[in-house]
Amino acid sequence: MSIEETIGYIGQEEEAAILKKHQKSGKCDPNKKKKPMCPVKRCKEILTFSNTSTCKTCSIKVCLKHRFPADHDCGRVTSSSLSSAGAGANGQWKNRFLAALASRNGQDCGKSKGHNSSSASNPSVKAY
């Protein structure tokens, strides 16, 4: 039984009795709760608020000893997840990008022939 499961208003006496009954039951011993551990092989570090780091590449929570991608095999995790989760879509995107790049015929995106912008011979910023 959990305290959150009680519905409606409970008087102070009833609430104290329920809490005491719950405490004596021994069903939720805080010492038995499994604490989060560092997922790196052979690392037994318990993850707490102050020693937890989240990898920006693979979004895995690790201890401070393994916070760098090389320390927790970050490249291996991301490459396996990419290969299994849409390698076909990745190849299609790359083919579309290369086709669009080839269709530009060497034109620069920032400089078009009809647009009159400041020329390269007259820069807007002077270098000393």
N, C-alpha and C. Protein backbone atom coordinates (compact mmCIF):
# COMPACT_ATOMS: atom_id res chain seq x y z
N MET A 1 0.85 -1.18 0.00
CA MET A 1 0.00 0.00 0.00
C MET A 1 0.88 1.23 0.00
N SER A 2 0.55 2.17 -0.79
CA SER A 2 1.31 3.39 -0.90
C SER A 2 0.47 4.56 -0.43
N ILE A 3 1.14 5.58 0.07
CA ILE A 3 0.44 6.77 0.54
C ILE A 3 -0.25 7.47 -0.62
N GLU A 4 0.36 7.42 -1.82
CA GLU A 4 -0.21 8.09 -2.97
C GLU A 4 -1.53 7.46 -3.41
N GLU A 5 -1.79 6.21 -3.02
CA GLU A 5 -2.99 5.52 -3.45
C GLU A 5 -4.23 5.96 -2.68
N THR A 6 -4.05 6.61 -1.56
CA THR A 6 -5.20 7.04 -0.78
C THR A 6 -5.89 8.18 -1.50
N ILE A 7 -7.19 8.12 -1.56
CA ILE A 7 -7.97 9.13 -2.28
C ILE A 7 -8.87 9.84 -1.29
N GLY A 8 -9.01 11.13 -1.47
CA GLY A 8 -9.89 11.91 -0.61
C GLY A 8 -9.17 12.43 0.61
N TYR A 9 -9.92 13.12 1.46
CA TYR A 9 -9.34 13.74 2.65
C TYR A 9 -9.29 12.71 3.78
N ILE A 10 -8.14 12.64 4.41
CA ILE A 10 -7.95 11.74 5.55
C ILE A 10 -7.64 12.60 6.75
N GLY A 11 -8.25 12.31 7.88
CA GLY A 11 -7.99 13.07 9.09
C GLY A 11 -6.57 12.84 9.58
N GLN A 12 -6.08 13.72 10.45
CA GLN A 12 -4.71 13.62 10.96
C GLN A 12 -4.47 12.29 11.67
N GLU A 13 -5.45 11.80 12.44
CA GLU A 13 -5.27 10.55 13.17
C GLU A 13 -5.19 9.37 12.20
N GLU A 14 -6.07 9.38 11.21
CA GLU A 14 -6.06 8.30 10.23
C GLU A 14 -4.76 8.31 9.42
N GLU A 15 -4.29 9.49 9.08
CA GLU A 15 -3.06 9.61 8.31
C GLU A 15 -1.87 9.08 9.11
N ALA A 16 -1.80 9.43 10.38
CA ALA A 16 -0.72 8.95 11.23
C ALA A 16 -0.78 7.44 11.39
N ALA A 17 -1.99 6.89 11.50
CA ALA A 17 -2.14 5.44 11.63
C ALA A 17 -1.70 4.73 10.36
N ILE A 18 -2.05 5.28 9.21
CA ILE A 18 -1.65 4.68 7.94
C ILE A 18 -0.14 4.74 7.78
N LEU A 19 0.47 5.86 8.11
CA LEU A 19 1.93 5.98 8.01
C LEU A 19 2.62 4.99 8.94
N LYS A 20 2.12 4.84 10.15
CA LYS A 20 2.72 3.92 11.11
C LYS A 20 2.59 2.48 10.62
N LYS A 21 1.43 2.13 10.09
CA LYS A 21 1.20 0.78 9.56
C LYS A 21 2.14 0.51 8.38
N HIS A 22 2.29 1.49 7.51
CA HIS A 22 3.17 1.36 6.34
C HIS A 22 4.62 1.20 6.78
N GLN A 23 5.02 1.95 7.78
CA GLN A 23 6.40 1.89 8.27
C GLN A 23 6.69 0.53 8.90
N LYS A 24 5.75 -0.03 9.63
CA LYS A 24 5.94 -1.32 10.28
C LYS A 24 5.90 -2.49 9.30
N SER A 25 5.26 -2.30 8.15
CA SER A 25 5.14 -3.40 7.19
C SER A 25 6.49 -3.80 6.61
N GLY A 26 7.43 -2.84 6.49
CA GLY A 26 8.76 -3.14 5.97
C GLY A 26 8.81 -3.36 4.47
N LYS A 27 7.77 -2.97 3.76
CA LYS A 27 7.72 -3.19 2.31
C LYS A 27 8.58 -2.19 1.54
N CYS A 28 8.84 -1.03 2.11
CA CYS A 28 9.64 -0.05 1.38
C CYS A 28 10.82 0.40 2.24
N ASP A 29 11.77 -0.48 2.39
CA ASP A 29 12.96 -0.16 3.15
C ASP A 29 13.89 0.65 2.26
N PRO A 30 14.25 1.89 2.63
CA PRO A 30 15.12 2.70 1.78
C PRO A 30 16.50 2.08 1.57
N ASN A 31 16.95 1.25 2.49
CA ASN A 31 18.25 0.60 2.34
C ASN A 31 18.23 -0.46 1.24
N LYS A 32 17.07 -1.02 0.95
CA LYS A 32 16.96 -2.06 -0.07
C LYS A 32 16.80 -1.49 -1.47
N LYS A 33 16.55 -0.20 -1.58
CA LYS A 33 16.36 0.43 -2.88
C LYS A 33 17.66 0.37 -3.67
N LYS A 34 17.57 -0.09 -4.92
CA LYS A 34 18.75 -0.20 -5.76
C LYS A 34 19.15 1.18 -6.26
N LYS A 35 20.37 1.56 -5.99
CA LYS A 35 20.86 2.88 -6.37
C LYS A 35 21.41 2.83 -7.80
N PRO A 36 21.30 3.93 -8.54
CA PRO A 36 21.83 3.94 -9.91
C PRO A 36 23.35 3.82 -9.91
N MET A 37 23.86 2.97 -10.79
CA MET A 37 25.30 2.73 -10.89
C MET A 37 25.80 3.21 -12.25
N CYS A 38 27.10 3.45 -12.34
CA CYS A 38 27.72 3.83 -13.60
C CYS A 38 27.61 2.65 -14.56
N PRO A 39 27.14 2.86 -15.80
CA PRO A 39 26.95 1.74 -16.73
C PRO A 39 28.22 1.22 -17.38
N VAL A 40 29.38 1.82 -17.09
CA VAL A 40 30.63 1.37 -17.68
C VAL A 40 31.02 0.03 -17.06
N LYS A 41 31.52 -0.86 -17.90
CA LYS A 41 31.90 -2.19 -17.45
C LYS A 41 32.92 -2.12 -16.32
N ARG A 42 32.72 -2.89 -15.28
CA ARG A 42 33.58 -3.02 -14.10
C ARG A 42 33.67 -1.75 -13.26
N CYS A 43 32.81 -0.77 -13.48
CA CYS A 43 32.78 0.43 -12.64
C CYS A 43 31.65 0.26 -11.65
N LYS A 44 31.95 0.38 -10.39
CA LYS A 44 30.95 0.18 -9.35
C LYS A 44 30.55 1.49 -8.67
N GLU A 45 30.79 2.59 -9.33
CA GLU A 45 30.51 3.91 -8.75
C GLU A 45 29.00 4.16 -8.71
N ILE A 46 28.51 4.57 -7.54
CA ILE A 46 27.10 4.92 -7.39
C ILE A 46 26.91 6.35 -7.90
N LEU A 47 25.90 6.53 -8.74
CA LEU A 47 25.64 7.84 -9.32
C LEU A 47 24.81 8.67 -8.35
N THR A 48 25.38 9.78 -7.92
CA THR A 48 24.68 10.72 -7.05
C THR A 48 24.52 12.03 -7.80
N PHE A 49 23.93 13.00 -7.16
CA PHE A 49 23.72 14.30 -7.80
C PHE A 49 25.05 14.97 -8.14
N SER A 50 26.02 14.85 -7.24
CA SER A 50 27.27 15.60 -7.41
C SER A 50 28.29 14.89 -8.29
N ASN A 51 28.18 13.59 -8.51
CA ASN A 51 29.20 12.92 -9.31
C ASN A 51 28.63 12.31 -10.59
N THR A 52 27.53 12.84 -11.09
CA THR A 52 26.91 12.33 -12.31
C THR A 52 27.14 13.31 -13.45
N SER A 53 27.48 12.76 -14.60
CA SER A 53 27.67 13.56 -15.79
C SER A 53 26.89 12.90 -16.93
N THR A 54 26.24 13.70 -17.75
CA THR A 54 25.50 13.18 -18.90
C THR A 54 26.29 13.46 -20.16
N CYS A 55 26.56 12.43 -20.93
CA CYS A 55 27.33 12.57 -22.16
C CYS A 55 26.51 13.34 -23.19
N LYS A 56 27.10 14.34 -23.83
CA LYS A 56 26.40 15.15 -24.82
C LYS A 56 26.20 14.39 -26.13
N THR A 57 27.01 13.37 -26.37
CA THR A 57 26.92 12.63 -27.61
C THR A 57 25.87 11.53 -27.56
N CYS A 58 25.93 10.71 -26.50
CA CYS A 58 25.03 9.55 -26.43
C CYS A 58 23.98 9.66 -25.33
N SER A 59 23.99 10.72 -24.54
CA SER A 59 23.00 11.00 -23.48
C SER A 59 22.92 9.92 -22.41
N ILE A 60 24.05 9.29 -22.10
CA ILE A 60 24.10 8.29 -21.04
C ILE A 60 24.64 8.95 -19.79
N LYS A 61 24.03 8.66 -18.64
CA LYS A 61 24.52 9.18 -17.37
C LYS A 61 25.64 8.28 -16.87
N VAL A 62 26.82 8.88 -16.65
CA VAL A 62 28.00 8.15 -16.18
C VAL A 62 28.62 8.91 -15.01
N CYS A 63 29.57 8.25 -14.33
CA CYS A 63 30.27 8.91 -13.23
C CYS A 63 31.32 9.87 -13.80
N LEU A 64 31.90 10.68 -12.94
CA LEU A 64 32.86 11.68 -13.40
C LEU A 64 34.12 11.06 -13.98
N LYS A 65 34.47 9.85 -13.56
CA LYS A 65 35.66 9.19 -14.10
C LYS A 65 35.49 8.87 -15.58
N HIS A 66 34.25 8.64 -16.01
CA HIS A 66 33.98 8.23 -17.39
C HIS A 66 33.20 9.29 -18.15
N ARG A 67 33.38 10.57 -17.84
CA ARG A 67 32.58 11.63 -18.46
C ARG A 67 32.98 11.95 -19.89
N PHE A 68 34.19 11.58 -20.30
CA PHE A 68 34.63 11.85 -21.67
C PHE A 68 34.21 10.70 -22.59
N PRO A 69 33.88 11.00 -23.85
CA PRO A 69 33.41 9.95 -24.77
C PRO A 69 34.39 8.78 -24.92
N ALA A 70 35.67 9.03 -24.87
CA ALA A 70 36.65 7.95 -25.01
C ALA A 70 36.65 7.02 -23.80
N ASP A 71 36.22 7.52 -22.65
CA ASP A 71 36.25 6.72 -21.42
C ASP A 71 35.09 5.74 -21.32
N HIS A 72 33.99 5.98 -22.01
CA HIS A 72 32.85 5.06 -21.90
C HIS A 72 32.41 4.51 -23.26
N ASP A 73 33.32 4.42 -24.20
CA ASP A 73 33.05 3.84 -25.52
C ASP A 73 31.84 4.48 -26.18
N CYS A 74 31.84 5.79 -26.18
CA CYS A 74 30.72 6.54 -26.73
C CYS A 74 30.58 6.30 -28.24
N GLY A 75 31.66 6.24 -28.98
CA GLY A 75 31.61 6.04 -30.42
C GLY A 75 31.00 4.71 -30.79
N ARG A 76 31.30 3.67 -30.01
CA ARG A 76 30.76 2.35 -30.30
C ARG A 76 29.25 2.34 -30.11
N VAL A 77 28.76 3.00 -29.06
CA VAL A 77 27.34 3.02 -28.76
C VAL A 77 26.59 3.77 -29.85
N THR A 78 27.08 4.94 -30.25
CA THR A 78 26.36 5.73 -31.24
C THR A 78 26.40 5.07 -32.62
N SER A 79 27.51 4.42 -33.00
CA SER A 79 27.57 3.82 -34.31
C SER A 79 26.66 2.61 -34.40
N SER A 80 26.54 1.82 -33.33
CA SER A 80 25.65 0.67 -33.36
C SER A 80 24.20 1.10 -33.38
N SER A 81 23.87 2.17 -32.66
CA SER A 81 22.49 2.63 -32.66
C SER A 81 22.13 3.25 -34.01
N LEU A 82 23.06 3.91 -34.66
CA LEU A 82 22.78 4.48 -35.97
C LEU A 82 22.61 3.40 -37.01
N SER A 83 23.45 2.37 -36.96
CA SER A 83 23.37 1.33 -37.97
C SER A 83 22.09 0.52 -37.86
N SER A 84 21.58 0.34 -36.65
CA SER A 84 20.37 -0.43 -36.48
C SER A 84 19.11 0.42 -36.62
N ALA A 85 19.20 1.72 -36.38
CA ALA A 85 18.00 2.55 -36.34
C ALA A 85 17.88 3.48 -37.55
N GLY A 86 18.05 2.96 -38.73
CA GLY A 86 17.78 3.79 -39.89
C GLY A 86 18.99 4.05 -40.77
N ALA A 87 19.76 3.03 -41.05
CA ALA A 87 20.90 3.21 -41.93
C ALA A 87 20.42 3.50 -43.34
N GLY A 88 19.27 2.95 -43.74
CA GLY A 88 18.73 3.21 -45.06
C GLY A 88 18.33 4.66 -45.23
N ALA A 89 17.71 5.23 -44.23
CA ALA A 89 17.29 6.62 -44.29
C ALA A 89 18.50 7.54 -44.34
N ASN A 90 19.56 7.19 -43.63
CA ASN A 90 20.77 7.99 -43.64
C ASN A 90 21.40 7.98 -45.03
N GLY A 91 21.41 6.86 -45.70
CA GLY A 91 21.96 6.77 -47.04
C GLY A 91 21.14 7.56 -48.04
N GLN A 92 19.81 7.53 -47.91
CA GLN A 92 18.95 8.29 -48.80
C GLN A 92 19.17 9.78 -48.63
N TRP A 93 19.32 10.24 -47.41
CA TRP A 93 19.56 11.65 -47.15
C TRP A 93 20.88 12.09 -47.78
N LYS A 94 21.90 11.25 -47.65
CA LYS A 94 23.21 11.58 -48.21
C LYS A 94 23.14 11.67 -49.73
N ASN A 95 22.40 10.77 -50.36
CA ASN A 95 22.26 10.81 -51.82
C ASN A 95 21.52 12.07 -52.27
N ARG A 96 20.47 12.47 -51.55
CA ARG A 96 19.75 13.69 -51.91
C ARG A 96 20.64 14.92 -51.74
N PHE A 97 21.45 14.93 -50.68
CA PHE A 97 22.35 16.06 -50.45
C PHE A 97 23.37 16.17 -51.58
N LEU A 98 23.97 15.04 -51.96
CA LEU A 98 24.97 15.07 -53.02
C LEU A 98 24.35 15.49 -54.36
N ALA A 99 23.11 15.09 -54.62
CA ALA A 99 22.44 15.50 -55.86
C ALA A 99 22.19 17.01 -55.86
N ALA A 100 21.76 17.55 -54.73
CA ALA A 100 21.52 18.99 -54.65
C ALA A 100 22.83 19.76 -54.77
N LEU A 101 23.89 19.23 -54.20
CA LEU A 101 25.20 19.88 -54.29
C LEU A 101 25.69 19.90 -55.74
N ALA A 102 25.50 18.81 -56.45
CA ALA A 102 25.93 18.74 -57.85
C ALA A 102 25.10 19.69 -58.73
N SER A 103 23.84 19.91 -58.39
CA SER A 103 22.99 20.77 -59.21
C SER A 103 23.34 22.25 -59.08
N ARG A 104 24.13 22.61 -58.09
CA ARG A 104 24.50 24.01 -57.91
C ARG A 104 25.50 24.47 -58.96
N ASN A 105 26.18 23.58 -59.61
CA ASN A 105 27.15 23.89 -60.68
C ASN A 105 28.24 24.84 -60.21
N GLY A 106 28.71 24.67 -59.01
CA GLY A 106 29.82 25.47 -58.52
C GLY A 106 29.45 26.87 -58.09
N GLN A 107 28.18 27.22 -58.05
CA GLN A 107 27.78 28.56 -57.62
C GLN A 107 27.88 28.66 -56.11
N ASP A 108 28.29 29.81 -55.66
CA ASP A 108 28.37 30.05 -54.22
C ASP A 108 27.00 30.52 -53.75
N CYS A 109 26.55 30.01 -52.63
CA CYS A 109 25.22 30.36 -52.11
C CYS A 109 25.13 31.84 -51.75
N GLY A 110 26.20 32.42 -51.25
CA GLY A 110 26.16 33.79 -50.76
C GLY A 110 26.27 34.83 -51.85
N LYS A 111 26.78 34.48 -53.00
CA LYS A 111 26.99 35.48 -54.06
C LYS A 111 26.24 35.06 -55.32
N SER A 112 25.24 35.84 -55.67
CA SER A 112 24.51 35.58 -56.91
C SER A 112 24.88 36.67 -57.92
N LYS A 113 24.72 36.37 -59.21
CA LYS A 113 25.16 37.30 -60.26
C LYS A 113 24.30 38.56 -60.30
N GLY A 114 23.01 38.47 -60.06
CA GLY A 114 22.13 39.61 -60.16
C GLY A 114 22.14 40.49 -58.92
N HIS A 115 22.70 40.06 -57.85
CA HIS A 115 22.65 40.78 -56.58
C HIS A 115 23.85 41.71 -56.47
N ASN A 116 23.63 43.00 -56.19
CA ASN A 116 24.70 43.97 -56.08
C ASN A 116 25.08 44.14 -54.61
N SER A 117 26.07 43.44 -54.15
CA SER A 117 26.53 43.59 -52.78
C SER A 117 27.92 44.21 -52.81
N SER A 118 28.46 44.46 -51.64
CA SER A 118 29.80 45.05 -51.61
C SER A 118 30.78 44.06 -52.20
N SER A 119 31.61 44.55 -53.09
CA SER A 119 32.54 43.67 -53.80
C SER A 119 33.72 43.32 -52.90
N ALA A 120 34.47 42.31 -53.33
CA ALA A 120 35.61 41.85 -52.54
C ALA A 120 36.74 42.88 -52.55
N SER A 121 36.79 43.75 -53.59
CA SER A 121 37.85 44.75 -53.66
C SER A 121 37.61 45.90 -52.69
N ASN A 122 36.36 46.17 -52.31
CA ASN A 122 36.02 47.22 -51.36
C ASN A 122 35.37 46.60 -50.12
N PRO A 123 36.15 46.06 -49.22
CA PRO A 123 35.54 45.45 -48.04
C PRO A 123 34.96 46.51 -47.11
N SER A 124 33.92 46.13 -46.36
CA SER A 124 33.27 47.07 -45.46
C SER A 124 34.07 47.26 -44.17
N VAL A 125 34.97 46.35 -43.87
CA VAL A 125 35.79 46.44 -42.67
C VAL A 125 37.24 46.58 -43.10
N LYS A 126 37.92 47.56 -42.54
CA LYS A 126 39.32 47.77 -42.89
C LYS A 126 40.21 47.00 -41.92
N ALA A 127 41.21 46.33 -42.46
CA ALA A 127 42.17 45.60 -41.63
C ALA A 127 43.44 46.43 -41.52
N TYR A 128 43.94 46.59 -40.32
CA TYR A 128 45.15 47.38 -40.11
C TYR A 128 46.32 46.49 -39.85
